[in-house]
Amino acid sequence: MTYAVAMLTVVVFAQTVALWRVSRGMKGVARLGDRLSYFAEALALLTDTTEAGLANVANELEQAGRRRASRAASRASTARRISTAAVRGKSVEEIAAFESLSESEIRLHLHMADLKGEDDGALFS
């Protein structure tokens, strides 16, 4: 009889330990659901931000194309405008922003104008 009580005690203890471990595992599953919902919200925010950023980039590229297309002038008139702006004291950065060209292109136009003698040479002295 003592053996039977000892056996029942061991079985009850083993079942208690098993139930305790299963309950701990269930808490982990509940936390997994919370984490998954946080990740889903973060992914939605990232998607919205990326979509808005790419829309802004597309809009800027479209506007830059319109600006450049509206100023479809000949090379000579562009060079003349650049030389005139430089003579009037505008900086290379200001001219580049106004003409929608890079600073190196502006410097090239100014150097070519200097070689042709279109300005007085004061820009490079």
N, C-alpha and C. Protein backbone atom coordinates (compact mmCIF):
# COMPACT_ATOMS: atom_id res chain seq x y z
N MET A 1 0.80 -1.17 0.00
CA MET A 1 0.00 0.00 0.00
C MET A 1 0.87 1.27 0.00
N THR A 2 1.95 1.23 0.73
CA THR A 2 2.86 2.35 0.78
C THR A 2 3.46 2.61 -0.60
N TYR A 3 3.71 1.52 -1.31
CA TYR A 3 4.24 1.68 -2.67
C TYR A 3 3.21 2.35 -3.59
N ALA A 4 1.98 2.03 -3.42
CA ALA A 4 0.93 2.61 -4.26
C ALA A 4 0.80 4.11 -4.00
N VAL A 5 0.86 4.52 -2.73
CA VAL A 5 0.78 5.94 -2.40
C VAL A 5 2.00 6.67 -2.94
N ALA A 6 3.17 6.07 -2.82
CA ALA A 6 4.40 6.68 -3.34
C ALA A 6 4.32 6.83 -4.86
N MET A 7 3.79 5.81 -5.54
CA MET A 7 3.65 5.86 -6.99
C MET A 7 2.67 6.96 -7.40
N LEU A 8 1.55 7.06 -6.69
CA LEU A 8 0.56 8.09 -6.99
C LEU A 8 1.14 9.49 -6.75
N THR A 9 1.96 9.63 -5.72
CA THR A 9 2.60 10.92 -5.43
C THR A 9 3.54 11.31 -6.56
N VAL A 10 4.32 10.36 -7.06
CA VAL A 10 5.25 10.62 -8.15
C VAL A 10 4.48 10.99 -9.43
N VAL A 11 3.38 10.29 -9.70
CA VAL A 11 2.58 10.56 -10.90
C VAL A 11 1.95 11.95 -10.80
N VAL A 12 1.41 12.31 -9.63
CA VAL A 12 0.80 13.62 -9.44
C VAL A 12 1.86 14.71 -9.59
N PHE A 13 3.03 14.50 -9.05
CA PHE A 13 4.12 15.47 -9.18
C PHE A 13 4.53 15.64 -10.64
N ALA A 14 4.66 14.54 -11.36
CA ALA A 14 5.05 14.60 -12.78
C ALA A 14 3.99 15.34 -13.59
N GLN A 15 2.71 15.10 -13.31
CA GLN A 15 1.65 15.79 -14.03
C GLN A 15 1.64 17.29 -13.69
N THR A 16 1.93 17.63 -12.45
CA THR A 16 1.98 19.03 -12.05
C THR A 16 3.11 19.75 -12.79
N VAL A 17 4.27 19.11 -12.86
CA VAL A 17 5.40 19.69 -13.58
C VAL A 17 5.05 19.84 -15.06
N ALA A 18 4.39 18.85 -15.66
CA ALA A 18 4.02 18.94 -17.07
C ALA A 18 3.02 20.07 -17.30
N LEU A 19 2.04 20.21 -16.44
CA LEU A 19 1.06 21.29 -16.57
C LEU A 19 1.72 22.66 -16.41
N TRP A 20 2.65 22.76 -15.49
CA TRP A 20 3.36 24.02 -15.27
C TRP A 20 4.14 24.43 -16.53
N ARG A 21 4.84 23.44 -17.14
CA ARG A 21 5.61 23.73 -18.36
C ARG A 21 4.71 24.10 -19.53
N VAL A 22 3.57 23.45 -19.66
CA VAL A 22 2.63 23.77 -20.73
C VAL A 22 2.08 25.18 -20.54
N SER A 23 1.78 25.57 -19.30
CA SER A 23 1.25 26.92 -19.06
C SER A 23 2.31 27.98 -19.39
N ARG A 24 3.56 27.70 -19.06
CA ARG A 24 4.63 28.64 -19.43
C ARG A 24 4.77 28.76 -20.94
N GLY A 25 4.64 27.66 -21.66
CA GLY A 25 4.69 27.67 -23.12
C GLY A 25 3.55 28.46 -23.72
N MET A 26 2.38 28.40 -23.12
CA MET A 26 1.22 29.14 -23.62
C MET A 26 1.42 30.65 -23.44
N LYS A 27 2.09 31.06 -22.37
CA LYS A 27 2.38 32.48 -22.18
C LYS A 27 3.31 32.98 -23.28
N GLY A 28 4.27 32.17 -23.68
CA GLY A 28 5.17 32.53 -24.78
C GLY A 28 4.42 32.68 -26.09
N VAL A 29 3.43 31.82 -26.33
CA VAL A 29 2.63 31.92 -27.54
C VAL A 29 1.81 33.21 -27.53
N ALA A 30 1.30 33.60 -26.37
CA ALA A 30 0.52 34.84 -26.27
C ALA A 30 1.42 36.05 -26.57
N ARG A 31 2.63 36.04 -26.06
CA ARG A 31 3.57 37.12 -26.34
C ARG A 31 3.97 37.14 -27.81
N LEU A 32 4.02 35.98 -28.44
CA LEU A 32 4.35 35.90 -29.85
C LEU A 32 3.30 36.63 -30.70
N GLY A 33 2.05 36.50 -30.33
CA GLY A 33 0.99 37.21 -31.03
C GLY A 33 1.14 38.72 -30.90
N ASP A 34 1.49 39.18 -29.71
CA ASP A 34 1.72 40.62 -29.51
C ASP A 34 2.89 41.12 -30.34
N ARG A 35 3.96 40.37 -30.33
CA ARG A 35 5.14 40.76 -31.12
C ARG A 35 4.81 40.79 -32.60
N LEU A 36 4.06 39.81 -33.05
CA LEU A 36 3.70 39.75 -34.46
C LEU A 36 2.85 40.96 -34.85
N SER A 37 1.95 41.38 -33.98
CA SER A 37 1.14 42.56 -34.30
C SER A 37 2.00 43.83 -34.31
N TYR A 38 2.98 43.94 -33.42
CA TYR A 38 3.90 45.09 -33.44
C TYR A 38 4.70 45.12 -34.74
N PHE A 39 5.21 43.96 -35.17
CA PHE A 39 5.96 43.90 -36.41
C PHE A 39 5.09 44.25 -37.61
N ALA A 40 3.84 43.83 -37.60
CA ALA A 40 2.93 44.16 -38.69
C ALA A 40 2.68 45.67 -38.75
N GLU A 41 2.51 46.31 -37.59
CA GLU A 41 2.34 47.76 -37.56
C GLU A 41 3.59 48.48 -38.05
N ALA A 42 4.76 47.99 -37.64
CA ALA A 42 6.02 48.61 -38.08
C ALA A 42 6.20 48.45 -39.58
N LEU A 43 5.84 47.30 -40.12
CA LEU A 43 5.95 47.08 -41.56
C LEU A 43 4.99 47.99 -42.32
N ALA A 44 3.79 48.20 -41.80
CA ALA A 44 2.83 49.10 -42.45
C ALA A 44 3.36 50.52 -42.44
N LEU A 45 3.95 50.96 -41.33
CA LEU A 45 4.53 52.30 -41.26
C LEU A 45 5.68 52.46 -42.24
N LEU A 46 6.54 51.46 -42.31
CA LEU A 46 7.67 51.49 -43.23
C LEU A 46 7.19 51.53 -44.68
N THR A 47 6.17 50.77 -44.99
CA THR A 47 5.62 50.75 -46.35
C THR A 47 5.04 52.11 -46.71
N ASP A 48 4.27 52.71 -45.80
CA ASP A 48 3.69 54.02 -46.06
C ASP A 48 4.76 55.09 -46.25
N THR A 49 5.78 55.05 -45.40
CA THR A 49 6.86 56.03 -45.50
C THR A 49 7.62 55.88 -46.81
N THR A 50 7.92 54.65 -47.19
CA THR A 50 8.63 54.40 -48.45
C THR A 50 7.79 54.85 -49.64
N GLU A 51 6.51 54.55 -49.61
CA GLU A 51 5.63 54.96 -50.70
C GLU A 51 5.56 56.48 -50.82
N ALA A 52 5.46 57.17 -49.70
CA ALA A 52 5.42 58.64 -49.73
C ALA A 52 6.75 59.21 -50.23
N GLY A 53 7.85 58.64 -49.79
CA GLY A 53 9.17 59.10 -50.23
C GLY A 53 9.38 58.91 -51.72
N LEU A 54 8.99 57.75 -52.23
CA LEU A 54 9.14 57.50 -53.66
C LEU A 54 8.21 58.39 -54.48
N ALA A 55 7.03 58.69 -53.95
CA ALA A 55 6.12 59.61 -54.64
C ALA A 55 6.73 61.00 -54.70
N ASN A 56 7.39 61.43 -53.62
CA ASN A 56 8.07 62.73 -53.61
C ASN A 56 9.22 62.78 -54.61
N VAL A 57 9.97 61.70 -54.69
CA VAL A 57 11.08 61.63 -55.65
C VAL A 57 10.54 61.70 -57.08
N ALA A 58 9.48 60.95 -57.35
CA ALA A 58 8.89 60.98 -58.69
C ALA A 58 8.36 62.37 -59.02
N ASN A 59 7.76 63.03 -58.05
CA ASN A 59 7.24 64.38 -58.26
C ASN A 59 8.38 65.35 -58.57
N GLU A 60 9.47 65.27 -57.82
CA GLU A 60 10.62 66.15 -58.06
C GLU A 60 11.24 65.90 -59.44
N LEU A 61 11.35 64.63 -59.82
CA LEU A 61 11.90 64.33 -61.14
C LEU A 61 10.99 64.86 -62.24
N GLU A 62 9.70 64.76 -62.03
CA GLU A 62 8.75 65.27 -63.02
C GLU A 62 8.85 66.79 -63.13
N GLN A 63 8.96 67.47 -61.99
CA GLN A 63 9.08 68.92 -62.01
C GLN A 63 10.40 69.36 -62.64
N ALA A 64 11.47 68.64 -62.35
CA ALA A 64 12.77 68.98 -62.94
C ALA A 64 12.72 68.79 -64.45
N GLY A 65 12.03 67.78 -64.91
CA GLY A 65 11.88 67.56 -66.35
C GLY A 65 11.09 68.68 -67.00
N ARG A 66 10.06 69.17 -66.32
CA ARG A 66 9.27 70.28 -66.85
C ARG A 66 10.11 71.55 -66.92
N ARG A 67 10.88 71.80 -65.84
CA ARG A 67 11.72 73.00 -65.82
C ARG A 67 12.75 72.97 -66.94
N ARG A 68 13.36 71.81 -67.14
CA ARG A 68 14.39 71.68 -68.17
C ARG A 68 13.75 71.76 -69.56
N ALA A 69 12.56 71.20 -69.73
CA ALA A 69 11.91 71.24 -71.03
C ALA A 69 11.44 72.66 -71.36
N SER A 70 11.03 73.41 -70.35
CA SER A 70 10.56 74.76 -70.62
C SER A 70 11.71 75.69 -70.99
N ARG A 71 12.91 75.30 -70.67
CA ARG A 71 14.08 76.13 -70.94
C ARG A 71 14.90 75.49 -72.07
N ALA A 72 14.20 75.00 -73.07
CA ALA A 72 14.89 74.35 -74.18
C ALA A 72 15.49 75.41 -75.09
N ALA A 73 16.58 75.94 -74.69
CA ALA A 73 17.24 77.01 -75.44
C ALA A 73 18.48 76.46 -76.11
N SER A 74 19.00 77.23 -77.00
CA SER A 74 20.20 76.81 -77.71
C SER A 74 21.41 76.93 -76.79
N ARG A 75 22.48 76.29 -77.21
CA ARG A 75 23.71 76.34 -76.42
C ARG A 75 24.26 77.76 -76.33
N ALA A 76 24.14 78.48 -77.40
CA ALA A 76 24.70 79.83 -77.42
C ALA A 76 23.96 80.73 -76.43
N SER A 77 22.64 80.64 -76.39
CA SER A 77 21.91 81.50 -75.46
C SER A 77 22.16 81.08 -74.01
N THR A 78 22.33 79.79 -73.78
CA THR A 78 22.67 79.33 -72.43
C THR A 78 24.03 79.87 -72.01
N ALA A 79 25.01 79.77 -72.90
CA ALA A 79 26.35 80.26 -72.60
C ALA A 79 26.32 81.77 -72.37
N ARG A 80 25.50 82.48 -73.15
CA ARG A 80 25.40 83.93 -73.00
C ARG A 80 24.77 84.28 -71.65
N ARG A 81 23.72 83.57 -71.26
CA ARG A 81 23.09 83.82 -69.96
C ARG A 81 24.06 83.55 -68.82
N ILE A 82 24.85 82.47 -68.93
CA ILE A 82 25.81 82.12 -67.88
C ILE A 82 26.89 83.19 -67.79
N SER A 83 27.42 83.61 -68.92
CA SER A 83 28.46 84.63 -68.91
C SER A 83 27.95 85.94 -68.34
N THR A 84 26.74 86.33 -68.74
CA THR A 84 26.15 87.57 -68.24
C THR A 84 25.95 87.51 -66.73
N ALA A 85 25.45 86.38 -66.25
CA ALA A 85 25.23 86.23 -64.81
C ALA A 85 26.55 86.31 -64.05
N ALA A 86 27.60 85.70 -64.60
CA ALA A 86 28.90 85.74 -63.93
C ALA A 86 29.46 87.15 -63.91
N VAL A 87 29.28 87.90 -65.00
CA VAL A 87 29.77 89.27 -65.06
C VAL A 87 29.02 90.14 -64.06
N ARG A 88 27.74 89.83 -63.86
CA ARG A 88 26.93 90.61 -62.91
C ARG A 88 27.20 90.23 -61.46
N GLY A 89 28.10 89.28 -61.23
CA GLY A 89 28.51 88.97 -59.86
C GLY A 89 27.82 87.79 -59.23
N LYS A 90 27.04 87.02 -59.98
CA LYS A 90 26.38 85.83 -59.41
C LYS A 90 27.42 84.75 -59.17
N SER A 91 27.22 83.96 -58.11
CA SER A 91 28.15 82.88 -57.82
C SER A 91 27.84 81.68 -58.71
N VAL A 92 28.80 80.77 -58.79
CA VAL A 92 28.62 79.57 -59.61
C VAL A 92 27.44 78.75 -59.09
N GLU A 93 27.28 78.68 -57.77
CA GLU A 93 26.18 77.92 -57.18
C GLU A 93 24.83 78.52 -57.57
N GLU A 94 24.74 79.84 -57.54
CA GLU A 94 23.48 80.51 -57.90
C GLU A 94 23.14 80.30 -59.37
N ILE A 95 24.15 80.40 -60.22
CA ILE A 95 23.92 80.20 -61.66
C ILE A 95 23.50 78.77 -61.92
N ALA A 96 24.16 77.81 -61.25
CA ALA A 96 23.82 76.39 -61.44
C ALA A 96 22.38 76.11 -61.01
N ALA A 97 21.96 76.70 -59.91
CA ALA A 97 20.59 76.49 -59.45
C ALA A 97 19.59 77.11 -60.42
N PHE A 98 19.89 78.28 -60.93
CA PHE A 98 18.97 78.96 -61.83
C PHE A 98 18.87 78.24 -63.18
N GLU A 99 20.00 77.78 -63.69
CA GLU A 99 20.03 77.14 -65.01
C GLU A 99 19.71 75.64 -64.95
N SER A 100 19.59 75.08 -63.75
CA SER A 100 19.36 73.64 -63.57
C SER A 100 20.47 72.82 -64.21
N LEU A 101 21.69 73.28 -63.99
CA LEU A 101 22.88 72.58 -64.47
C LEU A 101 23.79 72.31 -63.28
N SER A 102 24.78 71.44 -63.48
CA SER A 102 25.73 71.20 -62.41
C SER A 102 26.76 72.33 -62.36
N GLU A 103 27.41 72.46 -61.23
CA GLU A 103 28.43 73.51 -61.07
C GLU A 103 29.59 73.30 -62.04
N SER A 104 29.92 72.03 -62.31
CA SER A 104 31.02 71.78 -63.24
C SER A 104 30.65 72.21 -64.66
N GLU A 105 29.37 72.06 -65.05
CA GLU A 105 28.95 72.54 -66.36
C GLU A 105 29.03 74.07 -66.44
N ILE A 106 28.66 74.74 -65.35
CA ILE A 106 28.75 76.20 -65.32
C ILE A 106 30.19 76.64 -65.45
N ARG A 107 31.09 76.00 -64.72
CA ARG A 107 32.52 76.34 -64.80
C ARG A 107 33.05 76.10 -66.21
N LEU A 108 32.59 75.00 -66.85
CA LEU A 108 33.01 74.71 -68.22
C LEU A 108 32.53 75.81 -69.17
N HIS A 109 31.28 76.23 -69.05
CA HIS A 109 30.77 77.32 -69.88
C HIS A 109 31.58 78.60 -69.67
N LEU A 110 31.89 78.91 -68.41
CA LEU A 110 32.66 80.12 -68.12
C LEU A 110 34.08 80.03 -68.70
N HIS A 111 34.68 78.85 -68.60
CA HIS A 111 36.03 78.67 -69.14
C HIS A 111 36.01 78.79 -70.66
N MET A 112 35.01 78.20 -71.29
CA MET A 112 34.90 78.29 -72.74
C MET A 112 34.65 79.73 -73.17
N ALA A 113 33.85 80.46 -72.41
CA ALA A 113 33.60 81.87 -72.73
C ALA A 113 34.87 82.68 -72.58
N ASP A 114 35.68 82.33 -71.57
CA ASP A 114 36.95 83.04 -71.36
C ASP A 114 37.90 82.77 -72.52
N LEU A 115 37.91 81.52 -73.01
CA LEU A 115 38.78 81.19 -74.13
C LEU A 115 38.34 81.89 -75.41
N LYS A 116 37.03 82.07 -75.59
CA LYS A 116 36.52 82.76 -76.78
C LYS A 116 36.67 84.28 -76.67
N GLY A 117 36.91 84.77 -75.47
CA GLY A 117 37.06 86.20 -75.29
C GLY A 117 35.73 86.91 -75.14
N GLU A 118 34.68 86.19 -74.75
CA GLU A 118 33.38 86.83 -74.60
C GLU A 118 33.28 87.69 -73.35
N ASP A 119 34.13 87.43 -72.35
CA ASP A 119 34.12 88.29 -71.17
C ASP A 119 35.47 88.97 -71.04
N ASP A 120 35.64 89.76 -70.04
CA ASP A 120 36.86 90.56 -69.90
C ASP A 120 38.00 89.80 -69.23
N GLY A 121 37.79 88.55 -68.86
CA GLY A 121 38.85 87.75 -68.26
C GLY A 121 39.00 87.96 -66.77
N ALA A 122 38.13 88.75 -66.14
CA ALA A 122 38.27 89.04 -64.72
C ALA A 122 37.83 87.85 -63.85
N LEU A 123 37.12 86.93 -64.42
CA LEU A 123 36.64 85.79 -63.62
C LEU A 123 37.76 84.84 -63.23
N PHE A 124 38.78 84.72 -64.05
CA PHE A 124 39.81 83.73 -63.79
C PHE A 124 41.15 84.35 -63.45
N SER A 125 41.19 85.58 -63.06
CA SER A 125 42.48 86.19 -62.76
C SER A 125 42.77 86.15 -61.29
